[in-house]
């Protein structure tokens, strides 16, 4: 998926799995953000 071949260096993962949960915004805020920032929505509007 990274596009690395066999002759390239082996990938070493550094970031660990999350050990604590962070709160997220409410649905209304997330939907407003998505409608404002999603590029497929902008592309459809341009179409």
ModelCIF file with pLDDT and N, C-alpha, C, O atoms, coordinates in Angstrom:
data_MODEL
#
_entry.id   MODEL 
#
_entity.id                         1 
_entity.type                       polymer 
_entity.pdbx_number_of_molecules   1 
#
_entity_poly.entity_id                      1 
_entity_poly.type                           'polypeptide(L)' 
_entity_poly.nstd_linkage                   no 
_entity_poly.nstd_monomer                   no 
_entity_poly.pdbx_seq_one_letter_code       
;(UNK)(UNK)(UNK)(UNK)(UNK)(UNK)(UNK)(UNK)(UNK)(UNK)(UNK)(UNK)(UNK)(UNK)(UNK)(UNK)
(UNK)(UNK)(UNK)(UNK)(UNK)(UNK)(UNK)(UNK)(UNK)(UNK)(UNK)(UNK)(UNK)(UNK)(UNK)(UNK)
(UNK)(UNK)(UNK)(UNK)(UNK)(UNK)(UNK)(UNK)(UNK)(UNK)(UNK)(UNK)(UNK)(UNK)(UNK)
;
_entity_poly.pdbx_seq_one_letter_code_can   XXXXXXXXXXXXXXXXXXXXXXXXXXXXXXXXXXXXXXXXXXXXXXX 
_entity_poly.pdbx_strand_id                 A 
#
loop_
_entity_poly_seq.entity_id 
_entity_poly_seq.num 
_entity_poly_seq.mon_id 
_entity_poly_seq.hetero 
1 1  UNK n 
1 2  UNK n 
1 3  UNK n 
1 4  UNK n 
1 5  UNK n 
1 6  UNK n 
1 7  UNK n 
1 8  UNK n 
1 9  UNK n 
1 10 UNK n 
1 11 UNK n 
1 12 UNK n 
1 13 UNK n 
1 14 UNK n 
1 15 UNK n 
1 16 UNK n 
1 17 UNK n 
1 18 UNK n 
1 19 UNK n 
1 20 UNK n 
1 21 UNK n 
1 22 UNK n 
1 23 UNK n 
1 24 UNK n 
1 25 UNK n 
1 26 UNK n 
1 27 UNK n 
1 28 UNK n 
1 29 UNK n 
1 30 UNK n 
1 31 UNK n 
1 32 UNK n 
1 33 UNK n 
1 34 UNK n 
1 35 UNK n 
1 36 UNK n 
1 37 UNK n 
1 38 UNK n 
1 39 UNK n 
1 40 UNK n 
1 41 UNK n 
1 42 UNK n 
1 43 UNK n 
1 44 UNK n 
1 45 UNK n 
1 46 UNK n 
1 47 UNK n 
#
_struct_asym.id          A 
_struct_asym.entity_id   1 
#
loop_
_ma_qa_metric.id 
_ma_qa_metric.mode 
_ma_qa_metric.name 
_ma_qa_metric.software_group_id 
_ma_qa_metric.type 
1 global pLDDT . pLDDT 
2 local  pLDDT . pLDDT 
#
_ma_qa_metric_global.metric_id      1 
_ma_qa_metric_global.metric_value   83.85 
_ma_qa_metric_global.model_id       1 
_ma_qa_metric_global.ordinal_id     1 
#
loop_
_ma_qa_metric_local.label_asym_id 
_ma_qa_metric_local.label_comp_id 
_ma_qa_metric_local.label_seq_id 
_ma_qa_metric_local.metric_id 
_ma_qa_metric_local.metric_value 
_ma_qa_metric_local.model_id 
_ma_qa_metric_local.ordinal_id 
A UNK 1  2 89.00 1 1  
A UNK 2  2 89.00 1 2  
A UNK 3  2 86.00 1 3  
A UNK 4  2 83.00 1 4  
A UNK 5  2 71.00 1 5  
A UNK 6  2 62.00 1 6  
A UNK 7  2 58.00 1 7  
A UNK 8  2 61.00 1 8  
A UNK 9  2 58.00 1 9  
A UNK 10 2 72.00 1 10 
A UNK 11 2 77.00 1 11 
A UNK 12 2 82.00 1 12 
A UNK 13 2 85.00 1 13 
A UNK 14 2 85.00 1 14 
A UNK 15 2 86.00 1 15 
A UNK 16 2 85.00 1 16 
A UNK 17 2 85.00 1 17 
A UNK 18 2 84.00 1 18 
A UNK 19 2 80.00 1 19 
A UNK 20 2 77.00 1 20 
A UNK 21 2 74.00 1 21 
A UNK 22 2 80.00 1 22 
A UNK 23 2 82.00 1 23 
A UNK 24 2 84.00 1 24 
A UNK 25 2 87.00 1 25 
A UNK 26 2 89.00 1 26 
A UNK 27 2 90.00 1 27 
A UNK 28 2 91.00 1 28 
A UNK 29 2 91.00 1 29 
A UNK 30 2 92.00 1 30 
A UNK 31 2 92.00 1 31 
A UNK 32 2 91.00 1 32 
A UNK 33 2 90.00 1 33 
A UNK 34 2 91.00 1 34 
A UNK 35 2 91.00 1 35 
A UNK 36 2 89.00 1 36 
A UNK 37 2 88.00 1 37 
A UNK 38 2 89.00 1 38 
A UNK 39 2 87.00 1 39 
A UNK 40 2 88.00 1 40 
A UNK 41 2 91.00 1 41 
A UNK 42 2 89.00 1 42 
A UNK 43 2 89.00 1 43 
A UNK 44 2 91.00 1 44 
A UNK 45 2 91.00 1 45 
A UNK 46 2 89.00 1 46 
A UNK 47 2 90.00 1 47 
#
loop_
_atom_site.group_PDB 
_atom_site.id 
_atom_site.type_symbol 
_atom_site.label_atom_id 
_atom_site.label_alt_id 
_atom_site.label_comp_id 
_atom_site.label_asym_id 
_atom_site.label_entity_id 
_atom_site.label_seq_id 
_atom_site.pdbx_PDB_ins_code 
_atom_site.Cartn_x 
_atom_site.Cartn_y 
_atom_site.Cartn_z 
_atom_site.occupancy 
_atom_site.B_iso_or_equiv 
_atom_site.pdbx_formal_charge 
_atom_site.auth_seq_id 
_atom_site.auth_comp_id 
_atom_site.auth_asym_id 
_atom_site.auth_atom_id 
_atom_site.pdbx_PDB_model_num 
ATOM 1   N N  . UNK A 1 1  ? 0.827   -1.202 0.000   1.00 89.00 ? 1  UNK A N  1 
ATOM 2   C CA . UNK A 1 1  ? 0.000   0.000  0.000   1.00 89.00 ? 1  UNK A CA 1 
ATOM 3   C C  . UNK A 1 1  ? 0.867   1.260  0.000   1.00 89.00 ? 1  UNK A C  1 
ATOM 4   O O  . UNK A 1 1  ? 0.498   2.269  -0.601  1.00 89.00 ? 1  UNK A O  1 
ATOM 5   N N  . UNK A 1 2  ? 2.008   1.203  0.668   1.00 89.00 ? 2  UNK A N  1 
ATOM 6   C CA . UNK A 1 2  ? 2.931   2.340  0.665   1.00 89.00 ? 2  UNK A CA 1 
ATOM 7   C C  . UNK A 1 2  ? 3.671   2.476  -0.661  1.00 89.00 ? 2  UNK A C  1 
ATOM 8   O O  . UNK A 1 2  ? 4.277   3.514  -0.927  1.00 89.00 ? 2  UNK A O  1 
ATOM 9   N N  . UNK A 1 3  ? 3.629   1.438  -1.495  1.00 86.00 ? 3  UNK A N  1 
ATOM 10  C CA . UNK A 1 3  ? 4.337   1.491  -2.767  1.00 86.00 ? 3  UNK A CA 1 
ATOM 11  C C  . UNK A 1 3  ? 5.802   1.153  -2.656  1.00 86.00 ? 3  UNK A C  1 
ATOM 12  O O  . UNK A 1 3  ? 6.597   1.561  -3.503  1.00 86.00 ? 3  UNK A O  1 
ATOM 13  N N  . UNK A 1 4  ? 6.178   0.412  -1.626  1.00 83.00 ? 4  UNK A N  1 
ATOM 14  C CA . UNK A 1 4  ? 7.576   0.057  -1.411  1.00 83.00 ? 4  UNK A CA 1 
ATOM 15  C C  . UNK A 1 4  ? 7.850   -1.320 -1.983  1.00 83.00 ? 4  UNK A C  1 
ATOM 16  O O  . UNK A 1 4  ? 7.038   -2.236 -1.850  1.00 83.00 ? 4  UNK A O  1 
ATOM 17  N N  . UNK A 1 5  ? 9.002   -1.455 -2.620  1.00 71.00 ? 5  UNK A N  1 
ATOM 18  C CA . UNK A 1 5  ? 9.398   -2.724 -3.203  1.00 71.00 ? 5  UNK A CA 1 
ATOM 19  C C  . UNK A 1 5  ? 10.217  -3.564 -2.239  1.00 71.00 ? 5  UNK A C  1 
ATOM 20  O O  . UNK A 1 5  ? 10.497  -3.161 -1.110  1.00 71.00 ? 5  UNK A O  1 
ATOM 21  N N  . UNK A 1 6  ? 10.591  -4.744 -2.717  1.00 62.00 ? 6  UNK A N  1 
ATOM 22  C CA . UNK A 1 6  ? 11.354  -5.656 -1.870  1.00 62.00 ? 6  UNK A CA 1 
ATOM 23  C C  . UNK A 1 6  ? 12.748  -5.144 -1.568  1.00 62.00 ? 6  UNK A C  1 
ATOM 24  O O  . UNK A 1 6  ? 13.322  -5.487 -0.535  1.00 62.00 ? 6  UNK A O  1 
ATOM 25  N N  . UNK A 1 7  ? 13.307  -4.320 -2.460  1.00 58.00 ? 7  UNK A N  1 
ATOM 26  C CA . UNK A 1 7  ? 14.671  -3.842 -2.265  1.00 58.00 ? 7  UNK A CA 1 
ATOM 27  C C  . UNK A 1 7  ? 14.737  -2.606 -1.389  1.00 58.00 ? 7  UNK A C  1 
ATOM 28  O O  . UNK A 1 7  ? 15.821  -2.063 -1.180  1.00 58.00 ? 7  UNK A O  1 
ATOM 29  N N  . UNK A 1 8  ? 13.606  -2.146 -0.871  1.00 61.00 ? 8  UNK A N  1 
ATOM 30  C CA . UNK A 1 8  ? 13.595  -0.964 -0.023  1.00 61.00 ? 8  UNK A CA 1 
ATOM 31  C C  . UNK A 1 8  ? 13.582  -1.378 1.450   1.00 61.00 ? 8  UNK A C  1 
ATOM 32  O O  . UNK A 1 8  ? 13.304  -2.528 1.789   1.00 61.00 ? 8  UNK A O  1 
ATOM 33  N N  . UNK A 1 9  ? 13.889  -0.416 2.306   1.00 58.00 ? 9  UNK A N  1 
ATOM 34  C CA . UNK A 1 9  ? 14.035  -0.720 3.728   1.00 58.00 ? 9  UNK A CA 1 
ATOM 35  C C  . UNK A 1 9  ? 12.727  -1.203 4.328   1.00 58.00 ? 9  UNK A C  1 
ATOM 36  O O  . UNK A 1 9  ? 11.643  -0.773 3.933   1.00 58.00 ? 9  UNK A O  1 
ATOM 37  N N  . UNK A 1 10 ? 12.851  -2.091 5.276   1.00 72.00 ? 10 UNK A N  1 
ATOM 38  C CA . UNK A 1 10 ? 11.666  -2.602 5.959   1.00 72.00 ? 10 UNK A CA 1 
ATOM 39  C C  . UNK A 1 10 ? 11.037  -1.499 6.806   1.00 72.00 ? 10 UNK A C  1 
ATOM 40  O O  . UNK A 1 10 ? 11.733  -0.737 7.476   1.00 72.00 ? 10 UNK A O  1 
ATOM 41  N N  . UNK A 1 11 ? 9.720   -1.431 6.763   1.00 77.00 ? 11 UNK A N  1 
ATOM 42  C CA . UNK A 1 11 ? 9.007   -0.394 7.493   1.00 77.00 ? 11 UNK A CA 1 
ATOM 43  C C  . UNK A 1 11 ? 8.925   -0.784 8.968   1.00 77.00 ? 11 UNK A C  1 
ATOM 44  O O  . UNK A 1 11 ? 8.562   -1.912 9.304   1.00 77.00 ? 11 UNK A O  1 
ATOM 45  N N  . UNK A 1 12 ? 9.261   0.151  9.831   1.00 82.00 ? 12 UNK A N  1 
ATOM 46  C CA . UNK A 1 12 ? 9.138   -0.054 11.269  1.00 82.00 ? 12 UNK A CA 1 
ATOM 47  C C  . UNK A 1 12 ? 8.088   0.913  11.808  1.00 82.00 ? 12 UNK A C  1 
ATOM 48  O O  . UNK A 1 12 ? 8.190   2.125  11.622  1.00 82.00 ? 12 UNK A O  1 
ATOM 49  N N  . UNK A 1 13 ? 7.090   0.366  12.472  1.00 85.00 ? 13 UNK A N  1 
ATOM 50  C CA . UNK A 1 13 ? 6.008   1.179  13.005  1.00 85.00 ? 13 UNK A CA 1 
ATOM 51  C C  . UNK A 1 13 ? 6.433   1.794  14.334  1.00 85.00 ? 13 UNK A C  1 
ATOM 52  O O  . UNK A 1 13 ? 6.988   1.120  15.201  1.00 85.00 ? 13 UNK A O  1 
ATOM 53  N N  . UNK A 1 14 ? 6.162   3.083  14.472  1.00 85.00 ? 14 UNK A N  1 
ATOM 54  C CA . UNK A 1 14 ? 6.592   3.822  15.657  1.00 85.00 ? 14 UNK A CA 1 
ATOM 55  C C  . UNK A 1 14 ? 5.407   4.149  16.550  1.00 85.00 ? 14 UNK A C  1 
ATOM 56  O O  . UNK A 1 14 ? 5.466   3.931  17.760  1.00 85.00 ? 14 UNK A O  1 
ATOM 57  N N  . UNK A 1 15 ? 4.327   4.673  15.969  1.00 86.00 ? 15 UNK A N  1 
ATOM 58  C CA . UNK A 1 15 ? 3.162   5.077  16.772  1.00 86.00 ? 15 UNK A CA 1 
ATOM 59  C C  . UNK A 1 15 ? 2.463   3.852  17.343  1.00 86.00 ? 15 UNK A C  1 
ATOM 60  O O  . UNK A 1 15 ? 2.181   2.888  16.632  1.00 86.00 ? 15 UNK A O  1 
ATOM 61  N N  . UNK A 1 16 ? 2.190   3.909  18.641  1.00 85.00 ? 16 UNK A N  1 
ATOM 62  C CA . UNK A 1 16 ? 1.497   2.807  19.300  1.00 85.00 ? 16 UNK A CA 1 
ATOM 63  C C  . UNK A 1 16 ? -0.007  2.942  19.140  1.00 85.00 ? 16 UNK A C  1 
ATOM 64  O O  . UNK A 1 16 ? -0.507  3.974  18.692  1.00 85.00 ? 16 UNK A O  1 
ATOM 65  N N  . UNK A 1 17 ? -0.713  1.899  19.507  1.00 85.00 ? 17 UNK A N  1 
ATOM 66  C CA . UNK A 1 17 ? -2.175  1.961  19.509  1.00 85.00 ? 17 UNK A CA 1 
ATOM 67  C C  . UNK A 1 17 ? -2.644  2.929  20.596  1.00 85.00 ? 17 UNK A C  1 
ATOM 68  O O  . UNK A 1 17 ? -1.972  3.082  21.616  1.00 85.00 ? 17 UNK A O  1 
ATOM 69  N N  . UNK A 1 18 ? -3.763  3.567  20.395  1.00 84.00 ? 18 UNK A N  1 
ATOM 70  C CA . UNK A 1 18 ? -4.235  4.521  21.413  1.00 84.00 ? 18 UNK A CA 1 
ATOM 71  C C  . UNK A 1 18 ? -4.535  3.816  22.734  1.00 84.00 ? 18 UNK A C  1 
ATOM 72  O O  . UNK A 1 18 ? -5.135  2.742  22.761  1.00 84.00 ? 18 UNK A O  1 
ATOM 73  N N  . UNK A 1 19 ? -4.113  4.433  23.807  1.00 80.00 ? 19 UNK A N  1 
ATOM 74  C CA . UNK A 1 19 ? -4.349  3.872  25.136  1.00 80.00 ? 19 UNK A CA 1 
ATOM 75  C C  . UNK A 1 19 ? -5.407  4.646  25.903  1.00 80.00 ? 19 UNK A C  1 
ATOM 76  O O  . UNK A 1 19 ? -5.757  4.273  27.023  1.00 80.00 ? 19 UNK A O  1 
ATOM 77  N N  . UNK A 1 20 ? -5.918  5.715  25.315  1.00 77.00 ? 20 UNK A N  1 
ATOM 78  C CA . UNK A 1 20 ? -6.971  6.515  25.939  1.00 77.00 ? 20 UNK A CA 1 
ATOM 79  C C  . UNK A 1 20 ? -7.846  7.085  24.842  1.00 77.00 ? 20 UNK A C  1 
ATOM 80  O O  . UNK A 1 20 ? -7.390  7.346  23.729  1.00 77.00 ? 20 UNK A O  1 
ATOM 81  N N  . UNK A 1 21 ? -9.107  7.273  25.177  1.00 74.00 ? 21 UNK A N  1 
ATOM 82  C CA . UNK A 1 21 ? -10.074 7.787  24.204  1.00 74.00 ? 21 UNK A CA 1 
ATOM 83  C C  . UNK A 1 21 ? -10.263 9.282  24.405  1.00 74.00 ? 21 UNK A C  1 
ATOM 84  O O  . UNK A 1 21 ? -10.444 9.762  25.524  1.00 74.00 ? 21 UNK A O  1 
ATOM 85  N N  . UNK A 1 22 ? -10.215 10.005 23.288  1.00 80.00 ? 22 UNK A N  1 
ATOM 86  C CA . UNK A 1 22 ? -10.449 11.447 23.318  1.00 80.00 ? 22 UNK A CA 1 
ATOM 87  C C  . UNK A 1 22 ? -11.873 11.730 22.861  1.00 80.00 ? 22 UNK A C  1 
ATOM 88  O O  . UNK A 1 22 ? -12.339 11.121 21.898  1.00 80.00 ? 22 UNK A O  1 
ATOM 89  N N  . UNK A 1 23 ? -12.574 12.640 23.530  1.00 82.00 ? 23 UNK A N  1 
ATOM 90  C CA . UNK A 1 23 ? -13.957 12.949 23.114  1.00 82.00 ? 23 UNK A CA 1 
ATOM 91  C C  . UNK A 1 23 ? -13.998 13.617 21.747  1.00 82.00 ? 23 UNK A C  1 
ATOM 92  O O  . UNK A 1 23 ? -13.067 14.326 21.364  1.00 82.00 ? 23 UNK A O  1 
ATOM 93  N N  . UNK A 1 24 ? -15.065 13.390 21.025  1.00 84.00 ? 24 UNK A N  1 
ATOM 94  C CA . UNK A 1 24 ? -15.252 13.992 19.700  1.00 84.00 ? 24 UNK A CA 1 
ATOM 95  C C  . UNK A 1 24 ? -16.452 14.931 19.750  1.00 84.00 ? 24 UNK A C  1 
ATOM 96  O O  . UNK A 1 24 ? -17.240 14.901 20.695  1.00 84.00 ? 24 UNK A O  1 
ATOM 97  N N  . UNK A 1 25 ? -16.577 15.745 18.746  1.00 87.00 ? 25 UNK A N  1 
ATOM 98  C CA . UNK A 1 25 ? -17.663 16.720 18.692  1.00 87.00 ? 25 UNK A CA 1 
ATOM 99  C C  . UNK A 1 25 ? -18.997 16.025 18.459  1.00 87.00 ? 25 UNK A C  1 
ATOM 100 O O  . UNK A 1 25 ? -19.050 14.837 18.140  1.00 87.00 ? 25 UNK A O  1 
ATOM 101 N N  . UNK A 1 26 ? -20.063 16.782 18.623  1.00 89.00 ? 26 UNK A N  1 
ATOM 102 C CA . UNK A 1 26 ? -21.396 16.231 18.394  1.00 89.00 ? 26 UNK A CA 1 
ATOM 103 C C  . UNK A 1 26 ? -21.639 16.075 16.897  1.00 89.00 ? 26 UNK A C  1 
ATOM 104 O O  . UNK A 1 26 ? -20.897 16.607 16.071  1.00 89.00 ? 26 UNK A O  1 
ATOM 105 N N  . UNK A 1 27 ? -22.692 15.334 16.569  1.00 90.00 ? 27 UNK A N  1 
ATOM 106 C CA . UNK A 1 27 ? -22.980 15.010 15.167  1.00 90.00 ? 27 UNK A CA 1 
ATOM 107 C C  . UNK A 1 27 ? -23.217 16.257 14.327  1.00 90.00 ? 27 UNK A C  1 
ATOM 108 O O  . UNK A 1 27 ? -22.768 16.331 13.183  1.00 90.00 ? 27 UNK A O  1 
ATOM 109 N N  . UNK A 1 28 ? -23.917 17.231 14.886  1.00 91.00 ? 28 UNK A N  1 
ATOM 110 C CA . UNK A 1 28 ? -24.225 18.437 14.111  1.00 91.00 ? 28 UNK A CA 1 
ATOM 111 C C  . UNK A 1 28 ? -22.950 19.158 13.714  1.00 91.00 ? 28 UNK A C  1 
ATOM 112 O O  . UNK A 1 28 ? -22.816 19.586 12.568  1.00 91.00 ? 28 UNK A O  1 
ATOM 113 N N  . UNK A 1 29 ? -22.014 19.298 14.637  1.00 91.00 ? 29 UNK A N  1 
ATOM 114 C CA . UNK A 1 29 ? -20.752 19.976 14.328  1.00 91.00 ? 29 UNK A CA 1 
ATOM 115 C C  . UNK A 1 29 ? -19.955 19.197 13.286  1.00 91.00 ? 29 UNK A C  1 
ATOM 116 O O  . UNK A 1 29 ? -19.378 19.782 12.370  1.00 91.00 ? 29 UNK A O  1 
ATOM 117 N N  . UNK A 1 30 ? -19.929 17.877 13.433  1.00 92.00 ? 30 UNK A N  1 
ATOM 118 C CA . UNK A 1 30 ? -19.186 17.056 12.485  1.00 92.00 ? 30 UNK A CA 1 
ATOM 119 C C  . UNK A 1 30 ? -19.802 17.114 11.091  1.00 92.00 ? 30 UNK A C  1 
ATOM 120 O O  . UNK A 1 30 ? -19.082 17.178 10.095  1.00 92.00 ? 30 UNK A O  1 
ATOM 121 N N  . UNK A 1 31 ? -21.129 17.092 11.020  1.00 92.00 ? 31 UNK A N  1 
ATOM 122 C CA . UNK A 1 31 ? -21.800 17.165 9.714   1.00 92.00 ? 31 UNK A CA 1 
ATOM 123 C C  . UNK A 1 31 ? -21.532 18.517 9.054   1.00 92.00 ? 31 UNK A C  1 
ATOM 124 O O  . UNK A 1 31 ? -21.245 18.575 7.859   1.00 92.00 ? 31 UNK A O  1 
ATOM 125 N N  . UNK A 1 32 ? -21.622 19.588 9.814   1.00 91.00 ? 32 UNK A N  1 
ATOM 126 C CA . UNK A 1 32 ? -21.331 20.915 9.258   1.00 91.00 ? 32 UNK A CA 1 
ATOM 127 C C  . UNK A 1 32 ? -19.897 20.992 8.756   1.00 91.00 ? 32 UNK A C  1 
ATOM 128 O O  . UNK A 1 32 ? -19.638 21.576 7.704   1.00 91.00 ? 32 UNK A O  1 
ATOM 129 N N  . UNK A 1 33 ? -18.966 20.409 9.499   1.00 90.00 ? 33 UNK A N  1 
ATOM 130 C CA . UNK A 1 33 ? -17.568 20.398 9.055   1.00 90.00 ? 33 UNK A CA 1 
ATOM 131 C C  . UNK A 1 33 ? -17.415 19.599 7.772   1.00 90.00 ? 33 UNK A C  1 
ATOM 132 O O  . UNK A 1 33 ? -16.697 20.012 6.861   1.00 90.00 ? 33 UNK A O  1 
ATOM 133 N N  . UNK A 1 34 ? -18.089 18.454 7.698   1.00 91.00 ? 34 UNK A N  1 
ATOM 134 C CA . UNK A 1 34 ? -17.976 17.620 6.505   1.00 91.00 ? 34 UNK A CA 1 
ATOM 135 C C  . UNK A 1 34 ? -18.533 18.322 5.268   1.00 91.00 ? 34 UNK A C  1 
ATOM 136 O O  . UNK A 1 34 ? -17.921 18.288 4.201   1.00 91.00 ? 34 UNK A O  1 
ATOM 137 N N  . UNK A 1 35 ? -19.701 18.960 5.418   1.00 91.00 ? 35 UNK A N  1 
ATOM 138 C CA . UNK A 1 35 ? -20.302 19.654 4.276   1.00 91.00 ? 35 UNK A CA 1 
ATOM 139 C C  . UNK A 1 35 ? -19.462 20.846 3.838   1.00 91.00 ? 35 UNK A C  1 
ATOM 140 O O  . UNK A 1 35 ? -19.547 21.282 2.690   1.00 91.00 ? 35 UNK A O  1 
ATOM 141 N N  . UNK A 1 36 ? -18.652 21.370 4.749   1.00 89.00 ? 36 UNK A N  1 
ATOM 142 C CA . UNK A 1 36 ? -17.831 22.526 4.424   1.00 89.00 ? 36 UNK A CA 1 
ATOM 143 C C  . UNK A 1 36 ? -16.488 22.130 3.813   1.00 89.00 ? 36 UNK A C  1 
ATOM 144 O O  . UNK A 1 36 ? -15.963 22.844 2.958   1.00 89.00 ? 36 UNK A O  1 
ATOM 145 N N  . UNK A 1 37 ? -15.939 21.017 4.236   1.00 88.00 ? 37 UNK A N  1 
ATOM 146 C CA . UNK A 1 37 ? -14.563 20.682 3.861   1.00 88.00 ? 37 UNK A CA 1 
ATOM 147 C C  . UNK A 1 37 ? -14.445 19.509 2.893   1.00 88.00 ? 37 UNK A C  1 
ATOM 148 O O  . UNK A 1 37 ? -13.407 19.366 2.246   1.00 88.00 ? 37 UNK A O  1 
ATOM 149 N N  . UNK A 1 38 ? -15.463 18.670 2.771   1.00 89.00 ? 38 UNK A N  1 
ATOM 150 C CA . UNK A 1 38 ? -15.305 17.503 1.908   1.00 89.00 ? 38 UNK A CA 1 
ATOM 151 C C  . UNK A 1 38 ? -15.193 17.926 0.453   1.00 89.00 ? 38 UNK A C  1 
ATOM 152 O O  . UNK A 1 38 ? -16.010 18.689 -0.061  1.00 89.00 ? 38 UNK A O  1 
ATOM 153 N N  . UNK A 1 39 ? -14.163 17.412 -0.188  1.00 87.00 ? 39 UNK A N  1 
ATOM 154 C CA . UNK A 1 39 ? -13.859 17.840 -1.551  1.00 87.00 ? 39 UNK A CA 1 
ATOM 155 C C  . UNK A 1 39 ? -14.818 17.241 -2.564  1.00 87.00 ? 39 UNK A C  1 
ATOM 156 O O  . UNK A 1 39 ? -15.064 17.847 -3.607  1.00 87.00 ? 39 UNK A O  1 
ATOM 157 N N  . UNK A 1 40 ? -15.368 16.054 -2.279  1.00 88.00 ? 40 UNK A N  1 
ATOM 158 C CA . UNK A 1 40 ? -16.332 15.500 -3.222  1.00 88.00 ? 40 UNK A CA 1 
ATOM 159 C C  . UNK A 1 40 ? -17.618 16.315 -3.239  1.00 88.00 ? 40 UNK A C  1 
ATOM 160 O O  . UNK A 1 40 ? -18.292 16.379 -4.267  1.00 88.00 ? 40 UNK A O  1 
ATOM 161 N N  . UNK A 1 41 ? -17.970 16.943 -2.109  1.00 91.00 ? 41 UNK A N  1 
ATOM 162 C CA . UNK A 1 41 ? -19.131 17.834 -2.090  1.00 91.00 ? 41 UNK A CA 1 
ATOM 163 C C  . UNK A 1 41 ? -18.860 19.068 -2.944  1.00 91.00 ? 41 UNK A C  1 
ATOM 164 O O  . UNK A 1 41 ? -19.722 19.503 -3.707  1.00 91.00 ? 41 UNK A O  1 
ATOM 165 N N  . UNK A 1 42 ? -17.657 19.633 -2.812  1.00 89.00 ? 42 UNK A N  1 
ATOM 166 C CA . UNK A 1 42 ? -17.294 20.791 -3.642  1.00 89.00 ? 42 UNK A CA 1 
ATOM 167 C C  . UNK A 1 42 ? -17.241 20.422 -5.114  1.00 89.00 ? 42 UNK A C  1 
ATOM 168 O O  . UNK A 1 42 ? -17.680 21.193 -5.967  1.00 89.00 ? 42 UNK A O  1 
ATOM 169 N N  . UNK A 1 43 ? -16.710 19.253 -5.414  1.00 89.00 ? 43 UNK A N  1 
ATOM 170 C CA . UNK A 1 43 ? -16.652 18.815 -6.807  1.00 89.00 ? 43 UNK A CA 1 
ATOM 171 C C  . UNK A 1 43 ? -18.051 18.616 -7.380  1.00 89.00 ? 43 UNK A C  1 
ATOM 172 O O  . UNK A 1 43 ? -18.300 18.964 -8.534  1.00 89.00 ? 43 UNK A O  1 
ATOM 173 N N  . UNK A 1 44 ? -18.964 18.060 -6.589  1.00 91.00 ? 44 UNK A N  1 
ATOM 174 C CA . UNK A 1 44 ? -20.338 17.882 -7.068  1.00 91.00 ? 44 UNK A CA 1 
ATOM 175 C C  . UNK A 1 44 ? -21.016 19.218 -7.300  1.00 91.00 ? 44 UNK A C  1 
ATOM 176 O O  . UNK A 1 44 ? -21.793 19.368 -8.243  1.00 91.00 ? 44 UNK A O  1 
ATOM 177 N N  . UNK A 1 45 ? -20.726 20.199 -6.438  1.00 91.00 ? 45 UNK A N  1 
ATOM 178 C CA . UNK A 1 45 ? -21.285 21.533 -6.641  1.00 91.00 ? 45 UNK A CA 1 
ATOM 179 C C  . UNK A 1 45 ? -20.746 22.160 -7.925  1.00 91.00 ? 45 UNK A C  1 
ATOM 180 O O  . UNK A 1 45 ? -21.481 22.821 -8.659  1.00 91.00 ? 45 UNK A O  1 
ATOM 181 N N  . UNK A 1 46 ? -19.462 21.948 -8.187  1.00 89.00 ? 46 UNK A N  1 
ATOM 182 C CA . UNK A 1 46 ? -18.887 22.449 -9.435  1.00 89.00 ? 46 UNK A CA 1 
ATOM 183 C C  . UNK A 1 46 ? -19.504 21.772 -10.648 1.00 89.00 ? 46 UNK A C  1 
ATOM 184 O O  . UNK A 1 46 ? -19.686 22.407 -11.686 1.00 89.00 ? 46 UNK A O  1 
ATOM 185 N N  . UNK A 1 47 ? -19.822 20.502 -10.528 1.00 90.00 ? 47 UNK A N  1 
ATOM 186 C CA . UNK A 1 47 ? -20.458 19.800 -11.639 1.00 90.00 ? 47 UNK A CA 1 
ATOM 187 C C  . UNK A 1 47 ? -21.816 20.415 -11.965 1.00 90.00 ? 47 UNK A C  1 
ATOM 188 O O  . UNK A 1 47 ? -22.501 19.952 -12.877 1.00 90.00 ? 47 UNK A O  1 
#
